[in-house]
């Protein structure tokens, strides 16, 4: 029996586990995640009002439930177990930890209260246990810096009314904070020209139907500047704007942020236009949606991902998903790529076999007093969150690590 450890339980990791089981009849897979809950960005990155996308968790859960797969939740690489220890215990180790580190702009004022990286902000509205609350008090104008779908997610979550979150898994605490905000305007600012936008048409068209928000173009951007599928969709949303709606969503392009300014907290953002002039926009909240990088795990990185060749980092060590290629592609992209990496892993198996990886990992964690969350314990968390959801939500997540572990051990 071959023994493989996969670090990370998001789509890439679990698709890799599924592919390994199909590629070889004598593989046993252990999935390790630093959180007590699986599914990675499906749980904590996909917007709470996109339940159709989150529905892939049901398929991923079937992989975790397979007899030859074990889940080790709440186990952090580098804290509870080292990479060298995993490599010594398993025939192969695959890193599938995604790209959890926010890229920064590296400009003055980025640490001001009121300025949030998108991972931090998305973690808040997805009730991620590592992210504290966001302060929306006194916010009249918010700015989402970025021209991709993360900026649209941030905009849409800020713009929706409480009733529009029915059927989502948005936490009541987050919903209350959003409802109490005094937002008048949200600006979506792209650093490059409108022709370089990376929004998808479908996400743009969602803005058309928001109950209280209308969409417009900022100064310097014309309808005729918009082309391609995204440009056509944005033009359609702007044309359909209902001027009686109180909240304005304003799209600006070609503005590069150069400083966040304010006395003790964010008051304005300074941008530089293509002609070299500065443009200052008053704002009390800014979310930088400028990309992510993978955690290095003391391995060499290249362009925000782990350095690898077709998924192979070193003998017996592999990368898959965003850890392999950087933050690009969709959930289906992860599946097709994971299948290729799994084939590489199986092809690389030597004659010798380490069939005791699970026993060695379990013993090591016991010696260190690490109480990991297994699959049955995760199911207790899962069922308890669904049970406490109420009528308006599909799930009410436990927020803290302590609460998650308590739910995992409840009888």
Protein backbone atom coordinates (compact mmCIF):
# COMPACT_ATOMS: atom_id res chain seq x y z
CA UNK A 1 0.00 0.00 0.00
CA UNK A 2 1.38 3.39 -1.05
CA UNK A 3 1.02 6.26 1.36
CA UNK A 4 0.53 9.87 0.19
CA UNK A 5 0.09 13.03 2.25
CA UNK A 6 -1.70 16.02 0.76
CA UNK A 7 -1.31 19.30 2.64
CA UNK A 8 -4.43 21.35 1.98
CA UNK A 9 -8.06 20.25 1.71
CA UNK A 10 -9.37 22.65 -0.88
CA UNK A 11 -10.51 21.59 -4.36
CA UNK A 12 -6.97 21.06 -5.66
CA UNK A 13 -5.99 18.82 -2.77
CA UNK A 14 -9.16 16.75 -2.74
CA UNK A 15 -9.28 16.40 -6.52
CA UNK A 16 -5.69 15.17 -6.32
CA UNK A 17 -6.72 12.63 -3.67
CA UNK A 18 -9.59 11.46 -5.86
CA UNK A 19 -7.32 11.12 -8.88
CA UNK A 20 -4.70 9.19 -6.91
CA UNK A 21 -7.28 6.63 -5.82
CA UNK A 22 -8.40 6.18 -9.41
CA UNK A 23 -4.86 6.00 -10.79
CA UNK A 24 -3.59 3.33 -8.42
CA UNK A 25 -5.47 0.60 -6.53
CA UNK A 26 -3.00 0.50 -3.64
CA UNK A 27 -2.87 4.16 -2.56
CA UNK A 28 -3.96 5.51 0.80
CA UNK A 29 -4.22 9.30 1.14
CA UNK A 30 -4.02 11.48 4.25
CA UNK A 31 -5.32 15.03 3.83
CA UNK A 32 -3.84 17.54 6.27
CA UNK A 33 -5.22 21.04 6.85
CA UNK A 34 -4.32 23.71 9.38
CA UNK A 35 -8.03 24.52 9.82
CA UNK A 36 -10.42 22.12 11.54
CA UNK A 37 -12.71 22.44 8.52
CA UNK A 38 -12.01 21.28 4.95
CA UNK A 39 -12.68 22.69 1.47
CA UNK A 40 -10.38 25.72 1.52
CA UNK A 41 -11.66 28.67 -0.50
CA UNK A 42 -14.93 26.89 -1.28
CA UNK A 43 -15.79 27.44 2.37
CA UNK A 44 -13.90 30.63 3.17
CA UNK A 45 -13.24 32.40 -0.15
CA UNK A 46 -16.27 31.95 -2.40
CA UNK A 47 -18.79 34.69 -1.64
CA UNK A 48 -21.59 33.62 0.74
CA UNK A 49 -24.27 34.54 -1.79
CA UNK A 50 -22.76 32.24 -4.44
CA UNK A 51 -24.18 29.02 -3.07
CA UNK A 52 -24.23 27.31 -6.46
CA UNK A 53 -20.43 27.55 -6.53
CA UNK A 54 -20.14 26.47 -2.91
CA UNK A 55 -22.20 23.41 -3.81
CA UNK A 56 -19.03 21.70 -5.04
CA UNK A 57 -18.31 21.03 -1.35
CA UNK A 58 -20.79 18.15 -1.54
CA UNK A 59 -18.63 16.45 -4.17
CA UNK A 60 -15.44 17.17 -2.25
CA UNK A 61 -16.98 15.73 0.90
CA UNK A 62 -17.49 12.42 -0.89
CA UNK A 63 -13.74 12.25 -1.47
CA UNK A 64 -13.03 12.82 2.22
CA UNK A 65 -15.52 10.10 3.12
CA UNK A 66 -13.74 7.41 1.08
CA UNK A 67 -12.27 4.52 3.14
CA UNK A 68 -8.74 5.10 1.84
CA UNK A 69 -8.79 8.81 2.70
CA UNK A 70 -8.25 10.27 6.18
CA UNK A 71 -8.67 13.89 7.26
CA UNK A 72 -6.30 15.53 9.72
CA UNK A 73 -7.88 18.94 10.40
CA UNK A 74 -6.32 21.49 12.73
CA UNK A 75 -2.80 20.29 11.88
CA UNK A 76 -0.46 23.01 10.65
CA UNK A 77 2.59 22.33 8.53
CA UNK A 78 5.62 23.83 10.24
CA UNK A 79 3.90 24.09 13.64
CA UNK A 80 2.59 20.59 14.36
CA UNK A 81 4.55 18.58 11.82
CA UNK A 82 7.49 19.46 9.61
CA UNK A 83 7.78 18.93 5.89
CA UNK A 84 10.85 16.73 6.46
CA UNK A 85 8.82 14.53 8.83
CA UNK A 86 6.07 14.10 6.26
CA UNK A 87 8.54 13.30 3.51
CA UNK A 88 10.17 10.67 5.72
CA UNK A 89 6.82 9.05 6.52
CA UNK A 90 5.10 9.05 3.11
CA UNK A 91 5.87 7.85 -0.40
CA UNK A 92 4.85 11.29 -1.68
CA UNK A 93 3.80 14.66 -0.30
CA UNK A 94 1.71 17.12 -2.32
CA UNK A 95 1.42 20.77 -1.27
CA UNK A 96 -2.07 22.09 -2.00
CA UNK A 97 -2.20 25.04 0.37
CA UNK A 98 -3.36 27.53 -2.24
CA UNK A 99 -2.33 31.17 -2.19
CA UNK A 100 -3.30 32.43 1.25
CA UNK A 101 -0.95 35.42 1.44
CA UNK A 102 -2.27 38.79 0.27
CA UNK A 103 -0.09 40.74 -2.11
CA UNK A 104 0.54 44.28 -0.99
CA UNK A 105 0.78 47.50 -2.93
CA UNK A 106 3.82 48.68 -0.96
CA UNK A 107 2.63 52.27 -0.72
CA UNK A 108 2.41 54.68 2.25
CA UNK A 109 -0.54 54.27 4.60
CA UNK A 110 -1.30 50.65 3.74
CA UNK A 111 -1.44 49.78 7.45
CA UNK A 112 -3.92 52.55 8.31
CA UNK A 113 -7.14 51.41 10.02
CA UNK A 114 -9.78 51.26 7.32
CA UNK A 115 -7.42 49.72 4.75
CA UNK A 116 -7.88 45.97 4.29
CA UNK A 117 -6.31 43.42 1.99
CA UNK A 118 -8.95 41.39 0.19
CA UNK A 119 -8.04 38.12 1.92
CA UNK A 120 -8.61 39.77 5.29
CA UNK A 121 -11.89 41.33 4.18
CA UNK A 122 -13.20 38.21 2.43
CA UNK A 123 -12.20 36.17 5.50
CA UNK A 124 -14.32 38.47 7.65
CA UNK A 125 -17.51 38.18 5.65
CA UNK A 126 -16.96 34.42 5.28
CA UNK A 127 -16.54 34.04 9.05
CA UNK A 128 -12.99 32.65 8.78
CA UNK A 129 -11.69 31.90 12.29
CA UNK A 130 -8.39 33.72 11.67
CA UNK A 131 -9.92 37.06 10.71
CA UNK A 132 -11.30 39.63 13.14
CA UNK A 133 -14.24 41.94 12.55
CA UNK A 134 -14.15 44.79 10.06
CA UNK A 135 -15.08 48.27 11.29
CA UNK A 136 -17.66 49.85 8.98
CA UNK A 137 -18.66 52.65 11.36
CA UNK A 138 -18.84 55.99 9.59
CA UNK A 139 -18.06 54.55 6.16
CA UNK A 140 -19.77 56.62 3.48
CA UNK A 141 -17.45 55.83 0.57
CA UNK A 142 -15.67 52.51 0.07
CA UNK A 143 -13.08 51.75 -2.59
CA UNK A 144 -12.33 48.30 -4.00
CA UNK A 145 -8.96 48.49 -5.77
CA UNK A 146 -8.76 45.87 -8.50
CA UNK A 147 -10.36 44.91 -11.79
CA UNK A 148 -11.10 41.25 -11.14
CA UNK A 149 -13.95 39.26 -9.63
CA UNK A 150 -12.69 39.60 -6.06
CA UNK A 151 -13.30 43.35 -6.29
CA UNK A 152 -16.81 42.61 -7.58
CA UNK A 153 -17.45 40.19 -4.71
CA UNK A 154 -16.40 42.83 -2.19
CA UNK A 155 -18.60 45.41 -3.93
CA UNK A 156 -21.63 43.15 -4.13
CA UNK A 157 -21.42 42.08 -0.48
CA UNK A 158 -21.19 45.71 0.64
CA UNK A 159 -24.05 46.74 -1.65
CA UNK A 160 -26.67 44.09 -0.91
CA UNK A 161 -29.58 44.54 1.47
CA UNK A 162 -30.21 42.01 4.27
CA UNK A 163 -33.10 40.46 2.32
CA UNK A 164 -30.78 39.74 -0.62
CA UNK A 165 -28.70 37.39 1.54
CA UNK A 166 -31.58 34.98 2.10
CA UNK A 167 -30.40 31.44 1.36
CA UNK A 168 -26.72 32.36 1.80
CA UNK A 169 -24.33 31.41 4.61
CA UNK A 170 -23.56 35.01 5.58
CA UNK A 171 -23.29 35.17 9.36
CA UNK A 172 -25.97 37.22 11.17
CA UNK A 173 -23.23 39.30 12.83
CA UNK A 174 -21.77 40.24 9.44
CA UNK A 175 -25.23 40.91 8.03
CA UNK A 176 -25.99 43.26 10.93
CA UNK A 177 -22.71 45.14 10.44
CA UNK A 178 -23.41 45.57 6.73
CA UNK A 179 -26.98 46.70 7.35
CA UNK A 180 -25.83 49.32 9.87
CA UNK A 181 -23.26 50.82 7.48
CA UNK A 182 -24.04 54.27 6.05
CA UNK A 183 -22.65 53.65 2.58
CA UNK A 184 -23.45 56.15 -0.15
CA UNK A 185 -20.88 55.18 -2.77
CA UNK A 186 -18.60 52.27 -3.68
CA UNK A 187 -15.83 52.91 -6.18
CA UNK A 188 -14.26 50.03 -8.10
CA UNK A 189 -10.87 51.25 -9.29
CA UNK A 190 -8.77 49.44 -11.89
CA UNK A 191 -5.11 50.30 -12.14
CA UNK A 192 -5.02 49.73 -15.89
CA UNK A 193 -7.26 50.86 -18.72
CA UNK A 194 -10.81 49.54 -19.07
CA UNK A 195 -9.68 47.26 -21.90
CA UNK A 196 -7.55 45.33 -19.37
CA UNK A 197 -10.37 44.54 -16.93
CA UNK A 198 -10.54 40.93 -15.73
CA UNK A 199 -14.12 40.90 -14.50
CA UNK A 200 -16.29 38.13 -15.89
CA UNK A 201 -19.50 39.11 -17.63
CA UNK A 202 -21.66 36.99 -15.33
CA UNK A 203 -20.39 38.67 -12.18
CA UNK A 204 -20.83 42.13 -13.69
CA UNK A 205 -24.41 41.38 -14.70
CA UNK A 206 -25.25 40.52 -11.08
CA UNK A 207 -24.83 44.21 -10.25
CA UNK A 208 -27.76 45.07 -12.52
CA UNK A 209 -30.28 43.46 -10.17
CA UNK A 210 -29.10 44.83 -6.82
CA UNK A 211 -32.04 46.25 -4.89
CA UNK A 212 -30.52 49.54 -3.77
CA UNK A 213 -27.52 50.11 -6.06
CA UNK A 214 -27.03 51.72 -9.46
CA UNK A 215 -23.87 51.42 -11.57
CA UNK A 216 -22.10 54.26 -13.36
CA UNK A 217 -18.77 55.08 -14.96
CA UNK A 218 -16.36 57.49 -13.35
CA UNK A 219 -14.90 60.55 -15.00
CA UNK A 220 -12.55 59.64 -17.82
CA UNK A 221 -14.23 56.34 -18.76
CA UNK A 222 -16.69 56.29 -21.67
CA UNK A 223 -19.09 53.62 -22.82
CA UNK A 224 -17.17 53.39 -26.08
CA UNK A 225 -14.02 52.48 -24.08
CA UNK A 226 -15.64 49.20 -23.07
CA UNK A 227 -15.14 46.18 -25.30
CA UNK A 228 -15.10 42.41 -25.09
CA UNK A 229 -17.58 40.34 -23.11
CA UNK A 230 -16.84 42.13 -19.84
CA UNK A 231 -17.03 45.56 -21.43
CA UNK A 232 -20.34 44.72 -23.07
CA UNK A 233 -21.73 43.47 -19.76
CA UNK A 234 -20.58 46.57 -17.88
CA UNK A 235 -22.10 48.82 -20.54
CA UNK A 236 -25.38 46.90 -20.19
CA UNK A 237 -25.37 47.32 -16.41
CA UNK A 238 -24.66 51.05 -16.70
CA UNK A 239 -27.42 51.50 -19.28
CA UNK A 240 -29.91 49.76 -16.97
CA UNK A 241 -29.08 51.93 -13.95
CA UNK A 242 -32.08 53.14 -11.95
CA UNK A 243 -31.22 56.67 -10.83
CA UNK A 244 -33.68 56.48 -7.93
CA UNK A 245 -31.55 53.90 -6.14
CA UNK A 246 -29.53 55.51 -3.32
CA UNK A 247 -26.20 53.64 -3.55
CA UNK A 248 -23.79 54.42 -6.40
CA UNK A 249 -21.31 51.88 -7.75
CA UNK A 250 -18.71 53.83 -9.71
CA UNK A 251 -16.17 52.17 -12.02
CA UNK A 252 -12.87 54.01 -12.57
CA UNK A 253 -9.95 52.81 -14.68
CA UNK A 254 -6.36 53.85 -15.24
CA UNK A 255 -5.79 55.05 -11.67
CA UNK A 256 -2.75 53.73 -9.81
CA UNK A 257 -2.90 54.07 -6.00
CA UNK A 258 0.12 55.89 -4.58
CA UNK A 259 -0.89 56.53 -0.95
CA UNK A 260 -3.56 55.91 1.66
CA UNK A 261 -3.93 59.05 3.74
CA UNK A 262 -5.62 60.04 6.97
CA UNK A 263 -5.11 61.12 10.56
CA UNK A 264 -5.25 57.88 12.56
CA UNK A 265 -7.49 56.10 10.06
CA UNK A 266 -8.22 56.19 6.35
CA UNK A 267 -9.72 59.42 5.06
CA UNK A 268 -8.70 59.44 1.40
CA UNK A 269 -6.78 57.56 -1.27
CA UNK A 270 -4.34 59.29 -3.62
CA UNK A 271 -4.17 57.90 -7.16
CA UNK A 272 -2.00 58.76 -10.15
CA UNK A 273 -3.65 58.98 -13.54
CA UNK A 274 -2.04 58.03 -16.85
CA UNK A 275 -1.24 61.68 -17.57
CA UNK A 276 0.83 61.90 -14.39
CA UNK A 277 -1.63 63.99 -12.41
CA UNK A 278 -2.85 63.01 -8.95
CA UNK A 279 -6.46 62.33 -8.17
CA UNK A 280 -7.60 62.19 -4.55
CA UNK A 281 -10.78 60.30 -3.60
CA UNK A 282 -12.24 60.68 -0.13
CA UNK A 283 -12.97 57.27 1.43
CA UNK A 284 -13.26 55.68 4.83
CA UNK A 285 -12.78 52.09 3.66
CA UNK A 286 -10.44 50.63 1.06
CA UNK A 287 -10.05 46.97 0.10
CA UNK A 288 -7.02 46.08 -2.00
CA UNK A 289 -7.92 43.25 -4.38
CA UNK A 290 -4.53 42.93 -6.08
CA UNK A 291 -3.83 39.22 -5.87
CA UNK A 292 -2.38 36.51 -3.65
CA UNK A 293 0.77 34.47 -3.20
CA UNK A 294 1.31 30.98 -1.83
CA UNK A 295 2.98 30.38 1.52
CA UNK A 296 6.59 29.39 0.92
CA UNK A 297 6.85 26.51 3.45
CA UNK A 298 10.64 27.18 3.30
CA UNK A 299 10.59 26.15 -0.37
CA UNK A 300 11.67 28.23 -3.34
CA UNK A 301 8.98 30.37 -4.90
CA UNK A 302 8.55 31.81 -8.36
CA UNK A 303 5.90 34.37 -9.37
CA UNK A 304 3.86 33.76 -6.23
CA UNK A 305 3.84 29.94 -6.51
CA UNK A 306 6.15 27.14 -5.39
CA UNK A 307 8.92 26.52 -7.90
CA UNK A 308 8.09 23.29 -9.73
CA UNK A 309 8.23 21.56 -13.08
CA UNK A 310 4.83 20.14 -14.07
CA UNK A 311 3.97 19.87 -10.38
CA UNK A 312 7.20 18.20 -9.30
CA UNK A 313 9.19 20.21 -6.74
CA UNK A 314 11.68 17.51 -5.74
CA UNK A 315 11.83 13.72 -5.47
CA UNK A 316 8.61 12.70 -3.73
CA UNK A 317 7.46 16.32 -3.29
CA UNK A 318 4.81 17.97 -5.47
CA UNK A 319 2.63 21.06 -5.79
CA UNK A 320 -0.93 21.23 -7.05
CA UNK A 321 -3.50 23.99 -7.53
CA UNK A 322 -2.58 27.59 -6.77
CA UNK A 323 0.53 26.42 -4.93
CA UNK A 324 1.66 25.02 -8.30
CA UNK A 325 0.59 27.72 -10.76
CA UNK A 326 -0.35 30.81 -8.73
CA UNK A 327 -3.84 32.26 -8.18
CA UNK A 328 -5.44 31.69 -11.56
CA UNK A 329 -8.06 29.46 -13.08
CA UNK A 330 -11.34 28.09 -11.82
CA UNK A 331 -12.42 25.12 -9.70
CA UNK A 332 -12.69 22.89 -12.81
CA UNK A 333 -9.13 23.98 -13.70
CA UNK A 334 -7.99 22.52 -10.39
CA UNK A 335 -9.63 19.20 -11.17
CA UNK A 336 -7.99 18.68 -14.57
CA UNK A 337 -4.62 19.82 -13.27
CA UNK A 338 -4.84 17.62 -10.16
CA UNK A 339 -5.42 14.60 -12.36
CA UNK A 340 -2.17 15.31 -14.22
CA UNK A 341 -0.19 15.78 -11.01
CA UNK A 342 -1.66 12.57 -9.58
CA UNK A 343 -0.48 10.66 -12.65
CA UNK A 344 3.00 12.12 -12.15
CA UNK A 345 3.01 11.05 -8.51
CA UNK A 346 2.01 7.48 -9.35
CA UNK A 347 4.54 7.30 -12.20
CA UNK A 348 7.28 8.41 -9.80
CA UNK A 349 6.60 5.70 -7.20
CA UNK A 350 9.74 3.63 -6.70
CA UNK A 351 10.01 -0.02 -5.73
CA UNK A 352 10.13 0.62 -2.00
CA UNK A 353 6.87 1.50 -0.27
CA UNK A 354 6.13 3.40 2.95
CA UNK A 355 2.78 2.00 4.00
CA UNK A 356 2.78 3.33 7.56
CA UNK A 357 2.51 7.09 6.94
CA UNK A 358 -0.85 7.39 8.69
CA UNK A 359 0.32 5.45 11.73
CA UNK A 360 3.50 7.50 11.98
CA UNK A 361 1.63 10.81 11.65
CA UNK A 362 -1.00 9.79 14.20
CA UNK A 363 1.68 8.74 16.69
CA UNK A 364 3.66 11.93 16.15
CA UNK A 365 0.60 14.13 16.75
CA UNK A 366 -0.27 12.16 19.89
CA UNK A 367 3.23 12.68 21.30
CA UNK A 368 2.93 16.41 20.68
CA UNK A 369 -0.56 16.67 22.15
CA UNK A 370 -2.16 17.80 18.88
CA UNK A 371 -5.87 17.00 18.96
CA UNK A 372 -6.66 16.79 15.27
CA UNK A 373 -10.13 16.82 13.73
CA UNK A 374 -10.88 13.64 11.81
CA UNK A 375 -13.59 13.15 9.23
CA UNK A 376 -16.28 12.10 11.75
CA UNK A 377 -15.47 15.13 13.88
CA UNK A 378 -15.71 17.38 10.83
CA UNK A 379 -19.14 15.95 10.11
CA UNK A 380 -20.22 16.92 13.63
CA UNK A 381 -19.13 20.49 12.90
CA UNK A 382 -20.91 20.40 9.55
CA UNK A 383 -24.21 19.12 10.90
CA UNK A 384 -24.16 21.49 13.87
CA UNK A 385 -23.67 24.51 11.59
CA UNK A 386 -26.59 23.45 9.43
CA UNK A 387 -28.77 22.80 12.49
CA UNK A 388 -28.16 26.29 13.91
CA UNK A 389 -28.71 28.11 10.62
CA UNK A 390 -32.34 29.15 11.09
CA UNK A 391 -34.82 29.74 8.29
CA UNK A 392 -32.94 32.43 6.33
CA UNK A 393 -29.55 30.74 6.00
CA UNK A 394 -28.22 27.44 4.70
CA UNK A 395 -25.51 27.38 7.37
CA UNK A 396 -24.35 29.37 10.38
CA UNK A 397 -20.61 28.88 10.79
CA UNK A 398 -18.79 28.65 14.07
CA UNK A 399 -16.40 31.59 14.18
CA UNK A 400 -13.51 30.70 16.49
CA UNK A 401 -11.09 27.79 16.56
CA UNK A 402 -12.31 26.97 20.07
CA UNK A 403 -15.95 26.87 18.96
CA UNK A 404 -15.08 24.67 15.99
CA UNK A 405 -13.17 22.22 18.14
CA UNK A 406 -15.98 22.20 20.71
CA UNK A 407 -18.47 21.34 17.97
CA UNK A 408 -16.12 18.64 16.70
CA UNK A 409 -16.07 16.91 20.08
CA UNK A 410 -19.73 17.44 21.01
CA UNK A 411 -21.78 14.31 21.69
